[in-house]
Amino acid sequence: MSSRALNFLIVIGLIVLVGSSSLYVVSERERAVVLRFGEIIKPNVEPGLHFKMPLIDKMRAYDARLQTLDVPSERFLTLEKKAVIVDSYIKWRISDVYKFYRATAGDNLRANSLLAQRAESRMRNKFGGLTLNEVVSGQRDELMADITSSLDSVSREEMGVEVLDVRVKRVDLPPQVSDSVFERMSSEREKEAQEYRSKGKEVAEGIMANADREQRVLMAKAYQEAEKVRGEGDAEAAAIYAKAYDRDREFYAFYRSLKAYRETFKGSGDVMLLEPDSDFFRYLNNLQGK
């Protein structure tokens, strides 16, 4: 190969090298800055194909998609000075790559650390102004919205980071106090249950007393009605007997004697000791009863 051809290839290689180091692409998922000797000369480079000075300028691209930071569990005190263990997470993304680079040097670990610190201080202040019941109740959503808004405002200004959501995953009691809290809750529920039992017993006794009273009233009315009917029946029977006796007194006496014989001798083992001329046998000795 001639020296002219070799030189031509070297020039072509240098052109390709310079061209490749001069052009760079920023994708839609990224945000970038261009540095010259460590100083930012192009902040917030938009997605697309761009040109830079070769061997002098350097491009730094960072993921602009939504990031998730799991905040380590922290111990906070409520308004009643009760300790709670809070486990939370933060959703964030880069909004201003210039501020992001200046605050974190483009290090995501540094960004997560700064966000966790700022979130921890705001949660501590917020939880310190709430009772334990308010922390675990529906007011927690409003609390998280306030923390998200406050953290987003500071992070945008200081770090170029947009905070979209701060959410509590779990709120637990410390192990050393959970048993005592459980026992207190159990005793409170037992007391409440005892009150309900006492009220139920009182109502039951009232119902039973009313039922007993109504039973006695009904039994008394039924007995009164039965005695009245029985009295009317006895009076009617007596009137019939009297009427029959007046019509044929001798026959009535004979009928009464037969009834007495039937009632007296209805058992096979019945025995009576009477005089033969007793009035009881008057119709057995003589059909006329004489």
Foldseek 3Di string as FASTA:
>chain_A
DDPVVVVVVVVVVVVVVQVVQFKDFDAPQKWKFKDFPRHTPGWGDHGGMGTDGGPGIDMDIDGFDKDKAWQPWDWAAALVRFIKTWTKMWIKGAQTVVLQCVQQVRDVVSVSVVLNVLLVVLVNVLRHHHDPCCCPDPVVVVVFVVSQVVSQVVCCVRNRMGIDGMDTPDMGGPPVCPVVVVVVVVVVVVVVVVVVVVVVVVVVVVVVVVVVVVVVVVVVVVVVVVVVVVVVVVVVVVVVLVVVCVVPVQVSVVVVLVVVVCVQPVDPPGDDDDDPPDLSCQCVVPVSSD
